[in-house]
Amino acid sequence: MYYVRFETGGRESYGIADISVPNGVEDSSENISIAELKGDFYGTPVFSGRSFRLSEVKLLAPCCPSKVVAVGMNYVDHIKELGNRDVPKNPILFVKLPHTVIGPEAAIQTPKGATRVDYEAELAVIMKSCCFKVDACNADKFILGATCLNDVTERDIQKSDAQWMRSKNYETFCPIGPWIVDGIDFNSLDITLRLNGVVKQHSNTSNLLWDIQQLISFISQVFPLYPGDVVTTGTPFGVSPMKSGDTVEIEIEKIGILRNHVV
């Protein structure tokens, strides 16, 4: 299923989209209908009886996380790209806070004084139920589905600070979307980033050092993950700066395209 969060008539709602175009990635909004839900989609979905065409609504970030737990250095080629560091013995974790989250087509704002703002294409998964101290073999039971995420980073601040919190947590630095997709193999998906139509990153989630299930287990040993929380998985080789006027697109196989504009 394709889970969405949307706005229409000044009201925010959750829904389930009927994707009738190949892979759900075409801009044929008239071919996509959304069945509105009463409440959210983390429990048993209850439909309101209202439906909309995609062209009639504004898609929002598909979830409202209490936190986005992010993983650094999870592709070997990206580790080498940032200075030939040793492969970490454990996943490197950091957090992006809720104020950073924006949805598809929303603007990524370059903060005042920033000198280098980079894109980072990533696969992310969204939790559907509280998850704490779980084994990797049971992690899938707690996952609603997957989506695209751009882990926007002020790279020069990241290099200058002892930790990454400041560089990762400016407003608009976490675009997510366009929807959440279930029923797919998270660990075998092509991931591509295009900047103004030019491919800058391309890899496959099979190249992750730690797969989705291992990450969920590792994170949950430390703190609980709640419904709507996001776990994102790291970025492959090819990061570089964005500037005002740029358009950045992240496309993940079987999910779709997350598109945002830089201002």
C-alpha atoms as a PDB file:
ATOM      1  CA  MET A   1       0.000   0.000   0.000  1.00  0.00           C
ATOM      2  CA  TYR A   2       0.922   3.646  -0.440  1.00  0.00           C
ATOM      3  CA  TYR A   3       0.381   5.643   2.741  1.00  0.00           C
ATOM      4  CA  VAL A   4       0.102   9.415   2.414  1.00  0.00           C
ATOM      5  CA  ARG A   5      -0.448  12.491   4.519  1.00  0.00           C
ATOM      6  CA  PHE A   6      -2.036  15.423   2.735  1.00  0.00           C
ATOM      7  CA  GLU A   7      -3.713  18.786   3.052  1.00  0.00           C
ATOM      8  CA  THR A   8      -6.899  19.928   1.361  1.00  0.00           C
ATOM      9  CA  GLY A   9      -9.236  22.765   2.231  1.00  0.00           C
ATOM     10  CA  GLY A  10      -6.949  23.820   5.067  1.00  0.00           C
ATOM     11  CA  ARG A  11      -7.271  20.418   6.739  1.00  0.00           C
ATOM     12  CA  GLU A  12      -4.567  17.772   7.212  1.00  0.00           C
ATOM     13  CA  SER A  13      -5.477  14.104   6.791  1.00  0.00           C
ATOM     14  CA  TYR A  14      -3.941  10.671   6.396  1.00  0.00           C
ATOM     15  CA  GLY A  15      -4.890   8.423   3.510  1.00  0.00           C
ATOM     16  CA  ILE A  16      -4.093   5.451   1.330  1.00  0.00           C
ATOM     17  CA  ALA A  17      -3.305   6.157  -2.312  1.00  0.00           C
ATOM     18  CA  ASP A  18      -4.303   3.967  -5.241  1.00  0.00           C
ATOM     19  CA  ILE A  19      -1.308   4.182  -7.542  1.00  0.00           C
ATOM     20  CA  SER A  20      -2.365   3.224 -11.056  1.00  0.00           C
ATOM     21  CA  VAL A  21       0.748   4.444 -12.916  1.00  0.00           C
ATOM     22  CA  PRO A  22       3.961   2.390 -13.326  1.00  0.00           C
ATOM     23  CA  ASN A  23       5.992   2.321 -10.091  1.00  0.00           C
ATOM     24  CA  GLY A  24       3.975   5.232  -8.789  1.00  0.00           C
ATOM     25  CA  VAL A  25       6.559   7.703 -10.033  1.00  0.00           C
ATOM     26  CA  GLU A  26       4.888   9.489 -12.940  1.00  0.00           C
ATOM     27  CA  ASP A  27       3.359  12.954 -12.596  1.00  0.00           C
ATOM     28  CA  SER A  28      -0.045  11.657 -13.722  1.00  0.00           C
ATOM     29  CA  SER A  29      -1.873  13.033 -10.709  1.00  0.00           C
ATOM     30  CA  GLU A  30      -5.279  12.477 -12.304  1.00  0.00           C
ATOM     31  CA  ASN A  31      -4.592   8.714 -12.250  1.00  0.00           C
ATOM     32  CA  ILE A  32      -3.937   8.623  -8.505  1.00  0.00           C
ATOM     33  CA  SER A  33      -6.806   8.615  -6.020  1.00  0.00           C
ATOM     34  CA  ILE A  34      -6.492   8.948  -2.237  1.00  0.00           C
ATOM     35  CA  ALA A  35      -8.946   7.374   0.206  1.00  0.00           C
ATOM     36  CA  GLU A  36      -9.037   9.497   3.350  1.00  0.00           C
ATOM     37  CA  LEU A  37      -8.719   7.829   6.749  1.00  0.00           C
ATOM     38  CA  LYS A  38     -10.285   8.631  10.074  1.00  0.00           C
ATOM     39  CA  GLY A  39      -7.192   9.230  12.161  1.00  0.00           C
ATOM     40  CA  ASP A  40      -3.841   7.862  11.059  1.00  0.00           C
ATOM     41  CA  PHE A  41      -2.598   4.590   9.523  1.00  0.00           C
ATOM     42  CA  TYR A  42      -0.581   3.189  12.444  1.00  0.00           C
ATOM     43  CA  GLY A  43      -3.426   1.063  13.736  1.00  0.00           C
ATOM     44  CA  THR A  44      -6.186  -0.601  11.711  1.00  0.00           C
ATOM     45  CA  PRO A  45      -7.095   1.865   8.923  1.00  0.00           C
ATOM     46  CA  VAL A  46     -10.672   3.179   9.064  1.00  0.00           C
ATOM     47  CA  PHE A  47     -11.838   5.017   5.962  1.00  0.00           C
ATOM     48  CA  SER A  48     -13.804   8.253   6.226  1.00  0.00           C
ATOM     49  CA  GLY A  49     -15.715   7.679   2.984  1.00  0.00           C
ATOM     50  CA  ARG A  50     -14.100  10.703   1.331  1.00  0.00           C
ATOM     51  CA  SER A  51     -11.651  10.406  -1.556  1.00  0.00           C
ATOM     52  CA  PHE A  52      -9.593  12.844  -3.595  1.00  0.00           C
ATOM     53  CA  ARG A  53      -7.486  12.972  -6.718  1.00  0.00           C
ATOM     54  CA  LEU A  54      -3.821  13.648  -6.121  1.00  0.00           C
ATOM     55  CA  SER A  55      -4.218  16.815  -8.186  1.00  0.00           C
ATOM     56  CA  GLU A  56      -6.726  18.102  -5.603  1.00  0.00           C
ATOM     57  CA  VAL A  57      -4.438  17.873  -2.576  1.00  0.00           C
ATOM     58  CA  LYS A  58      -1.044  18.972  -1.340  1.00  0.00           C
ATOM     59  CA  LEU A  59       1.153  16.089  -0.262  1.00  0.00           C
ATOM     60  CA  LEU A  60       2.861  16.621   3.087  1.00  0.00           C
ATOM     61  CA  ALA A  61       5.683  14.699   4.702  1.00  0.00           C
ATOM     62  CA  PRO A  62       4.030  11.276   5.100  1.00  0.00           C
ATOM     63  CA  CYS A  63       4.645  11.117   8.861  1.00  0.00           C
ATOM     64  CA  CYS A  64       5.131  13.401  11.869  1.00  0.00           C
ATOM     65  CA  PRO A  65       8.043  11.794  13.709  1.00  0.00           C
ATOM     66  CA  SER A  66       9.053  12.521  17.268  1.00  0.00           C
ATOM     67  CA  LYS A  67      12.580  11.982  15.950  1.00  0.00           C
ATOM     68  CA  VAL A  68      14.476  10.943  12.841  1.00  0.00           C
ATOM     69  CA  VAL A  69      17.248   8.546  13.804  1.00  0.00           C
ATOM     70  CA  ALA A  70      19.927   8.786  11.146  1.00  0.00           C
ATOM     71  CA  VAL A  71      22.959   6.652  10.397  1.00  0.00           C
ATOM     72  CA  GLY A  72      26.277   7.960   9.159  1.00  0.00           C
ATOM     73  CA  MET A  73      28.946   6.089   7.208  1.00  0.00           C
ATOM     74  CA  ASN A  74      26.787   3.159   6.085  1.00  0.00           C
ATOM     75  CA  TYR A  75      28.154   2.871   2.519  1.00  0.00           C
ATOM     76  CA  VAL A  76      31.875   2.115   2.099  1.00  0.00           C
ATOM     77  CA  ASP A  77      32.218   4.353  -0.977  1.00  0.00           C
ATOM     78  CA  HIS A  78      30.839   7.331   0.975  1.00  0.00           C
ATOM     79  CA  ILE A  79      33.271   6.671   3.840  1.00  0.00           C
ATOM     80  CA  LYS A  80      36.159   6.873   1.371  1.00  0.00           C
ATOM     81  CA  GLU A  81      34.659   9.972  -0.233  1.00  0.00           C
ATOM     82  CA  LEU A  82      34.813  11.823   3.099  1.00  0.00           C
ATOM     83  CA  GLY A  83      38.472  11.139   3.716  1.00  0.00           C
ATOM     84  CA  ASN A  84      39.384   7.426   3.669  1.00  0.00           C
ATOM     85  CA  ARG A  85      38.202   6.836   7.213  1.00  0.00           C
ATOM     86  CA  ASP A  86      38.176   3.366   8.710  1.00  0.00           C
ATOM     87  CA  VAL A  87      34.929   1.459   8.464  1.00  0.00           C
ATOM     88  CA  PRO A  88      33.148   1.957  11.827  1.00  0.00           C
ATOM     89  CA  LYS A  89      32.715  -1.022  14.129  1.00  0.00           C
ATOM     90  CA  ASN A  90      29.119   0.003  14.966  1.00  0.00           C
ATOM     91  CA  PRO A  91      26.548   2.201  13.234  1.00  0.00           C
ATOM     92  CA  ILE A  92      27.181   5.919  13.801  1.00  0.00           C
ATOM     93  CA  LEU A  93      23.922   7.463  15.024  1.00  0.00           C
ATOM     94  CA  PHE A  94      22.644  11.020  15.172  1.00  0.00           C
ATOM     95  CA  VAL A  95      19.191  12.597  15.378  1.00  0.00           C
ATOM     96  CA  LYS A  96      17.304  15.061  13.215  1.00  0.00           C
ATOM     97  CA  LEU A  97      14.542  16.853  15.105  1.00  0.00           C
ATOM     98  CA  PRO A  98      10.900  17.322  13.982  1.00  0.00           C
ATOM     99  CA  HIS A  99      11.313  20.961  12.919  1.00  0.00           C
ATOM    100  CA  THR A 100      13.635  19.850  10.086  1.00  0.00           C
ATOM    101  CA  VAL A 101      10.955  17.744   8.349  1.00  0.00           C
ATOM    102  CA  ILE A 102       9.319  18.968   5.126  1.00  0.00           C
ATOM    103  CA  GLY A 103       7.388  17.198   2.393  1.00  0.00           C
ATOM    104  CA  PRO A 104       7.655  16.765  -1.381  1.00  0.00           C
ATOM    105  CA  GLU A 105       7.934  19.933  -3.494  1.00  0.00           C
ATOM    106  CA  ALA A 106       8.637  22.006  -0.371  1.00  0.00           C
ATOM    107  CA  ALA A 107      11.605  24.393  -0.343  1.00  0.00           C
ATOM    108  CA  ILE A 108      14.955  23.544   1.207  1.00  0.00           C
ATOM    109  CA  GLN A 109      16.114  26.817   2.743  1.00  0.00           C
ATOM    110  CA  THR A 110      19.820  27.595   2.778  1.00  0.00           C
ATOM    111  CA  PRO A 111      20.463  29.089   6.233  1.00  0.00           C
ATOM    112  CA  LYS A 112      22.087  32.483   6.657  1.00  0.00           C
ATOM    113  CA  GLY A 113      25.857  32.145   6.795  1.00  0.00           C
ATOM    114  CA  ALA A 114      25.945  28.637   5.304  1.00  0.00           C
ATOM    115  CA  THR A 115      28.946  27.979   3.066  1.00  0.00           C
ATOM    116  CA  ARG A 116      28.212  24.468   1.772  1.00  0.00           C
ATOM    117  CA  VAL A 117      24.806  22.773   1.931  1.00  0.00           C
ATOM    118  CA  ASP A 118      24.904  19.207   0.586  1.00  0.00           C
ATOM    119  CA  TYR A 119      22.215  16.726  -0.458  1.00  0.00           C
ATOM    120  CA  GLU A 120      22.316  13.124   0.793  1.00  0.00           C
ATOM    121  CA  ALA A 121      19.924  10.608  -0.817  1.00  0.00           C
ATOM    122  CA  GLU A 122      18.730   7.941   1.604  1.00  0.00           C
ATOM    123  CA  LEU A 123      16.218   5.164   2.066  1.00  0.00           C
ATOM    124  CA  ALA A 124      14.201   5.628   5.260  1.00  0.00           C
ATOM    125  CA  VAL A 125      11.720   3.410   7.068  1.00  0.00           C
ATOM    126  CA  ILE A 126       8.797   4.493   9.266  1.00  0.00           C
ATOM    127  CA  MET A 127       7.783   2.673  12.427  1.00  0.00           C
ATOM    128  CA  LYS A 128       4.175   1.533  12.860  1.00  0.00           C
ATOM    129  CA  SER A 129       4.320   0.511  16.527  1.00  0.00           C
ATOM    130  CA  CYS A 130       6.485   1.054  19.587  1.00  0.00           C
ATOM    131  CA  CYS A 131       9.773  -0.766  19.174  1.00  0.00           C
ATOM    132  CA  PHE A 132      12.202  -1.274  22.073  1.00  0.00           C
ATOM    133  CA  LYS A 133      14.959  -3.834  22.580  1.00  0.00           C
ATOM    134  CA  VAL A 134      14.003  -5.992  19.584  1.00  0.00           C
ATOM    135  CA  ASP A 135      16.107  -8.543  17.752  1.00  0.00           C
ATOM    136  CA  ALA A 136      16.908  -8.044  14.081  1.00  0.00           C
ATOM    137  CA  CYS A 137      14.857 -11.118  13.160  1.00  0.00           C
ATOM    138  CA  ASN A 138      11.748  -9.436  14.604  1.00  0.00           C
ATOM    139  CA  ALA A 139      12.340  -5.895  13.342  1.00  0.00           C
ATOM    140  CA  ASP A 140      10.046  -6.149  10.308  1.00  0.00           C
ATOM    141  CA  LYS A 141       7.019  -6.525  12.586  1.00  0.00           C
ATOM    142  CA  PHE A 142       7.457  -2.922  13.715  1.00  0.00           C
ATOM    143  CA  ILE A 143       7.993  -1.273  10.301  1.00  0.00           C
ATOM    144  CA  LEU A 144       5.135   0.353   8.402  1.00  0.00           C
ATOM    145  CA  GLY A 145       7.069   0.866   5.171  1.00  0.00           C
ATOM    146  CA  ALA A 146       9.774   2.834   3.399  1.00  0.00           C
ATOM    147  CA  THR A 147      10.148   6.237   1.779  1.00  0.00           C
ATOM    148  CA  CYS A 148      12.751   8.629   0.344  1.00  0.00           C
ATOM    149  CA  LEU A 149      14.686  11.046   2.545  1.00  0.00           C
ATOM    150  CA  ASN A 150      17.202  13.813   1.897  1.00  0.00           C
ATOM    151  CA  ASP A 151      19.602  14.179   4.824  1.00  0.00           C
ATOM    152  CA  VAL A 152      20.534  17.790   4.043  1.00  0.00           C
ATOM    153  CA  THR A 153      23.813  18.766   5.708  1.00  0.00           C
ATOM    154  CA  GLU A 154      25.847  21.940   6.205  1.00  0.00           C
ATOM    155  CA  ARG A 155      29.120  20.208   5.370  1.00  0.00           C
ATOM    156  CA  ASP A 156      31.590  22.830   6.589  1.00  0.00           C
ATOM    157  CA  ILE A 157      29.868  23.007   9.980  1.00  0.00           C
ATOM    158  CA  GLN A 158      29.866  19.196  10.133  1.00  0.00           C
ATOM    159  CA  LYS A 159      33.634  19.212   9.591  1.00  0.00           C
ATOM    160  CA  SER A 160      34.263  21.917  12.186  1.00  0.00           C
ATOM    161  CA  ASP A 161      32.093  20.566  15.011  1.00  0.00           C
ATOM    162  CA  ALA A 162      32.936  17.651  17.270  1.00  0.00           C
ATOM    163  CA  GLN A 163      29.473  16.186  16.652  1.00  0.00           C
ATOM    164  CA  TRP A 164      26.930  16.547  13.842  1.00  0.00           C
ATOM    165  CA  MET A 165      23.876  17.933  15.616  1.00  0.00           C
ATOM    166  CA  ARG A 166      24.178  21.516  14.405  1.00  0.00           C
ATOM    167  CA  SER A 167      25.020  20.700  10.783  1.00  0.00           C
ATOM    168  CA  LYS A 168      22.029  18.378  10.405  1.00  0.00           C
ATOM    169  CA  ASN A 169      19.287  20.318  12.189  1.00  0.00           C
ATOM    170  CA  TYR A 170      18.556  23.560  10.399  1.00  0.00           C
ATOM    171  CA  GLU A 171      14.927  24.097   9.405  1.00  0.00           C
ATOM    172  CA  THR A 172      13.929  22.223   6.192  1.00  0.00           C
ATOM    173  CA  PHE A 173      16.992  19.946   6.375  1.00  0.00           C
ATOM    174  CA  CYS A 174      14.935  16.715   6.276  1.00  0.00           C
ATOM    175  CA  PRO A 175      12.688  16.372   3.206  1.00  0.00           C
ATOM    176  CA  ILE A 176      10.673  13.123   3.332  1.00  0.00           C
ATOM    177  CA  GLY A 177       8.253  11.540   0.854  1.00  0.00           C
ATOM    178  CA  PRO A 178       6.353  11.376  -1.312  1.00  0.00           C
ATOM    179  CA  TRP A 179       4.631   8.456   0.450  1.00  0.00           C
ATOM    180  CA  ILE A 180       5.327   5.352   2.521  1.00  0.00           C
ATOM    181  CA  VAL A 181       5.334   2.012   0.680  1.00  0.00           C
ATOM    182  CA  ASP A 182       5.023  -1.423   2.268  1.00  0.00           C
ATOM    183  CA  GLY A 183       5.489  -4.945   0.904  1.00  0.00           C
ATOM    184  CA  ILE A 184       8.939  -4.381  -0.611  1.00  0.00           C
ATOM    185  CA  ASP A 185      12.422  -5.711   0.112  1.00  0.00           C
ATOM    186  CA  PHE A 186      14.112  -2.740   1.771  1.00  0.00           C
ATOM    187  CA  ASN A 187      17.567  -4.245   1.315  1.00  0.00           C
ATOM    188  CA  SER A 188      17.588  -4.502  -2.485  1.00  0.00           C
ATOM    189  CA  LEU A 189      16.462  -1.163  -3.945  1.00  0.00           C
ATOM    190  CA  ASP A 190      18.160   1.100  -6.478  1.00  0.00           C
ATOM    191  CA  ILE A 191      18.615   4.647  -5.179  1.00  0.00           C
ATOM    192  CA  THR A 192      19.373   7.630  -7.419  1.00  0.00           C
ATOM    193  CA  LEU A 193      19.766  11.360  -6.846  1.00  0.00           C
ATOM    194  CA  ARG A 194      19.494  13.920  -9.638  1.00  0.00           C
ATOM    195  CA  LEU A 195      20.505  17.556  -9.288  1.00  0.00           C
ATOM    196  CA  ASN A 196      18.853  19.662 -11.993  1.00  0.00           C
ATOM    197  CA  GLY A 197      18.279  16.455 -13.953  1.00  0.00           C
ATOM    198  CA  VAL A 198      21.888  15.220 -13.742  1.00  0.00           C
ATOM    199  CA  VAL A 199      22.565  11.965 -11.876  1.00  0.00           C
ATOM    200  CA  LYS A 200      24.883  12.651  -8.930  1.00  0.00           C
ATOM    201  CA  GLN A 201      24.343   9.564  -6.745  1.00  0.00           C
ATOM    202  CA  HIS A 202      23.454   6.016  -7.715  1.00  0.00           C
ATOM    203  CA  SER A 203      23.690   2.861  -5.642  1.00  0.00           C
ATOM    204  CA  ASN A 204      21.620   0.029  -4.214  1.00  0.00           C
ATOM    205  CA  THR A 205      20.586  -0.605  -0.636  1.00  0.00           C
ATOM    206  CA  SER A 206      22.200  -4.040  -0.911  1.00  0.00           C
ATOM    207  CA  ASN A 207      25.463  -2.113  -0.425  1.00  0.00           C
ATOM    208  CA  LEU A 208      24.541  -0.975   3.093  1.00  0.00           C
ATOM    209  CA  LEU A 209      27.047  -2.012   5.766  1.00  0.00           C
ATOM    210  CA  TRP A 210      24.151  -2.563   8.204  1.00  0.00           C
ATOM    211  CA  ASP A 211      20.773  -3.443   6.748  1.00  0.00           C
ATOM    212  CA  ILE A 212      17.414  -2.134   7.931  1.00  0.00           C
ATOM    213  CA  GLN A 213      16.745  -4.921  10.406  1.00  0.00           C
ATOM    214  CA  GLN A 214      20.195  -4.671  11.974  1.00  0.00           C
ATOM    215  CA  LEU A 215      19.807  -0.902  12.360  1.00  0.00           C
ATOM    216  CA  ILE A 216      16.376  -1.171  13.984  1.00  0.00           C
ATOM    217  CA  SER A 217      17.702  -3.703  16.479  1.00  0.00           C
ATOM    218  CA  PHE A 218      20.842  -1.680  17.252  1.00  0.00           C
ATOM    219  CA  ILE A 219      18.925   1.565  17.774  1.00  0.00           C
ATOM    220  CA  SER A 220      16.171  -0.029  19.845  1.00  0.00           C
ATOM    221  CA  GLN A 221      18.651  -1.359  22.397  1.00  0.00           C
ATOM    222  CA  VAL A 222      19.289   2.267  23.426  1.00  0.00           C
ATOM    223  CA  PHE A 223      15.914   4.031  23.167  1.00  0.00           C
ATOM    224  CA  PRO A 224      12.383   3.253  21.992  1.00  0.00           C
ATOM    225  CA  LEU A 225      11.084   4.046  18.541  1.00  0.00           C
ATOM    226  CA  TYR A 226       7.466   5.213  18.391  1.00  0.00           C
ATOM    227  CA  PRO A 227       4.799   5.073  15.648  1.00  0.00           C
ATOM    228  CA  GLY A 228       5.736   7.592  12.978  1.00  0.00           C
ATOM    229  CA  ASP A 229       9.407   7.727  13.948  1.00  0.00           C
ATOM    230  CA  VAL A 230      11.862   7.504  11.074  1.00  0.00           C
ATOM    231  CA  VAL A 231      15.059   5.492  10.747  1.00  0.00           C
ATOM    232  CA  THR A 232      17.168   6.561   7.799  1.00  0.00           C
ATOM    233  CA  THR A 233      20.053   4.515   6.516  1.00  0.00           C
ATOM    234  CA  GLY A 234      22.958   6.630   5.257  1.00  0.00           C
ATOM    235  CA  THR A 235      23.921   7.929   1.842  1.00  0.00           C
ATOM    236  CA  PRO A 236      26.109   6.517  -0.953  1.00  0.00           C
ATOM    237  CA  PHE A 237      29.012   8.135  -2.799  1.00  0.00           C
ATOM    238  CA  GLY A 238      28.425  11.376  -4.683  1.00  0.00           C
ATOM    239  CA  VAL A 239      27.471  14.074  -2.182  1.00  0.00           C
ATOM    240  CA  SER A 240      28.011  17.659  -3.314  1.00  0.00           C
ATOM    241  CA  PRO A 241      26.577  21.133  -2.712  1.00  0.00           C
ATOM    242  CA  MET A 242      23.202  22.553  -3.684  1.00  0.00           C
ATOM    243  CA  LYS A 243      22.526  26.233  -4.310  1.00  0.00           C
ATOM    244  CA  SER A 244      19.511  28.487  -4.576  1.00  0.00           C
ATOM    245  CA  GLY A 245      17.496  27.705  -7.702  1.00  0.00           C
ATOM    246  CA  ASP A 246      18.496  24.037  -7.815  1.00  0.00           C
ATOM    247  CA  THR A 247      16.026  21.160  -7.987  1.00  0.00           C
ATOM    248  CA  VAL A 248      16.977  17.918  -6.274  1.00  0.00           C
ATOM    249  CA  GLU A 249      15.191  14.610  -6.928  1.00  0.00           C
ATOM    250  CA  ILE A 250      15.666  11.370  -5.033  1.00  0.00           C
ATOM    251  CA  GLU A 251      14.239   8.302  -6.761  1.00  0.00           C
ATOM    252  CA  ILE A 252      14.096   4.916  -5.063  1.00  0.00           C
ATOM    253  CA  GLU A 253      13.005   1.799  -6.877  1.00  0.00           C
ATOM    254  CA  LYS A 254       9.408   0.703  -6.076  1.00  0.00           C
ATOM    255  CA  ILE A 255       8.824   3.842  -4.004  1.00  0.00           C
ATOM    256  CA  GLY A 256       8.854   6.946  -6.174  1.00  0.00           C
ATOM    257  CA  ILE A 257      10.419  10.389  -6.463  1.00  0.00           C
ATOM    258  CA  LEU A 258      10.978  12.968  -3.736  1.00  0.00           C
ATOM    259  CA  ARG A 259      11.453  16.372  -5.372  1.00  0.00           C
ATOM    260  CA  ASN A 260      12.431  19.600  -3.609  1.00  0.00           C
ATOM    261  CA  HIS A 261      13.670  23.025  -4.618  1.00  0.00           C
ATOM    262  CA  VAL A 262      16.465  25.025  -3.005  1.00  0.00           C
ATOM    263  CA  VAL A 263      15.938  28.676  -2.008  1.00  0.00           C
END
